[in-house]
């Protein structure tokens, strides 16, 4: 007969979350029925979003406290009174 193998998954420890709010993109004066104007706004949003994601990915690679264990060790050594440093914008 067939043998049942229980699937095993080992979750990874959580890493630091990175958030960045990009530049505001005005939609005032954009007529929703104007396809060219909508495409222009869409492209502006896409460029801004991609640049923010690229920036955060590069900063994440340089973050020595990205992983939970080193970050928790540093914060514990400070008696949990401060957070591990991140990066400046």
Protein backbone atom coordinates (compact mmCIF):
# COMPACT_ATOMS: atom_id res chain seq x y z
CA UNK A 1 0.00 0.00 0.00
CA UNK A 2 0.85 3.64 0.00
CA UNK A 3 2.79 5.15 2.84
CA UNK A 4 1.62 8.47 4.28
CA UNK A 5 4.38 10.99 4.95
CA UNK A 6 3.41 13.85 7.24
CA UNK A 7 4.41 17.20 5.71
CA UNK A 8 6.88 19.02 7.91
CA UNK A 9 7.40 22.73 7.77
CA UNK A 10 9.92 24.64 9.83
CA UNK A 11 8.92 28.29 10.08
CA UNK A 12 11.58 30.95 9.89
CA UNK A 13 12.03 33.46 12.67
CA UNK A 14 10.44 36.81 11.86
CA UNK A 15 12.65 39.56 10.55
CA UNK A 16 12.31 43.29 10.91
CA UNK A 17 9.56 44.97 8.91
CA UNK A 18 10.45 47.93 6.71
CA UNK A 19 7.96 50.65 5.79
CA UNK A 20 8.37 53.76 3.69
CA UNK A 21 5.70 56.19 2.60
CA UNK A 22 6.71 57.69 -0.71
CA UNK A 23 5.89 61.03 -2.21
CA UNK A 24 2.28 62.04 -2.50
CA UNK A 25 0.89 61.72 -6.01
CA UNK A 26 -1.95 64.07 -6.74
CA UNK A 27 -4.92 62.79 -8.67
CA UNK A 28 -6.70 66.12 -8.54
CA UNK A 29 -7.75 67.20 -11.97
CA UNK A 30 -7.37 63.72 -13.48
CA UNK A 31 -10.46 62.78 -15.40
CA UNK A 32 -11.18 59.07 -14.86
CA UNK A 33 -12.46 58.79 -18.43
CA UNK A 34 -9.19 60.15 -19.87
CA UNK A 35 -7.16 57.01 -20.56
CA UNK A 36 -3.89 58.88 -21.18
CA UNK A 37 -4.15 60.80 -17.90
CA UNK A 38 -4.90 57.56 -16.01
CA UNK A 39 -1.90 55.85 -17.60
CA UNK A 40 0.29 58.80 -16.61
CA UNK A 41 -0.87 58.62 -12.99
CA UNK A 42 -0.44 54.84 -12.98
CA UNK A 43 3.13 55.17 -14.28
CA UNK A 44 3.96 57.82 -11.67
CA UNK A 45 2.63 55.57 -8.89
CA UNK A 46 4.49 52.56 -10.28
CA UNK A 47 7.81 54.45 -10.51
CA UNK A 48 7.46 55.82 -6.98
CA UNK A 49 6.52 52.44 -5.55
CA UNK A 50 9.36 50.64 -7.32
CA UNK A 51 11.89 53.21 -6.14
CA UNK A 52 10.67 52.89 -2.54
CA UNK A 53 10.85 49.09 -2.70
CA UNK A 54 14.35 49.19 -4.22
CA UNK A 55 15.49 51.59 -1.48
CA UNK A 56 14.08 49.39 1.29
CA UNK A 57 15.56 46.22 -0.18
CA UNK A 58 19.00 47.79 -0.31
CA UNK A 59 18.69 49.06 3.26
CA UNK A 60 17.47 45.65 4.43
CA UNK A 61 20.59 44.00 3.00
CA UNK A 62 22.77 46.39 5.03
CA UNK A 63 20.82 46.03 8.29
CA UNK A 64 22.93 44.15 10.88
CA UNK A 65 19.84 43.76 13.10
CA UNK A 66 17.57 42.40 10.37
CA UNK A 67 17.33 38.94 11.98
CA UNK A 68 15.44 38.48 15.23
CA UNK A 69 18.18 36.90 17.36
CA UNK A 70 20.91 39.55 16.96
CA UNK A 71 18.30 42.29 17.36
CA UNK A 72 16.82 40.69 20.48
CA UNK A 73 20.27 40.19 21.98
CA UNK A 74 21.18 43.85 21.53
CA UNK A 75 17.82 45.08 22.84
CA UNK A 76 18.04 42.72 25.83
CA UNK A 77 21.53 44.04 26.62
CA UNK A 78 19.93 47.48 26.81
CA UNK A 79 17.34 46.14 29.26
CA UNK A 80 14.62 46.45 26.59
CA UNK A 81 14.67 50.25 26.97
CA UNK A 82 15.73 50.97 23.38
CA UNK A 83 15.23 49.46 19.96
CA UNK A 84 18.10 48.30 17.82
CA UNK A 85 19.07 51.06 15.41
CA UNK A 86 17.79 51.10 11.88
CA UNK A 87 18.77 53.48 9.09
CA UNK A 88 18.15 57.15 8.48
CA UNK A 89 16.17 58.33 5.48
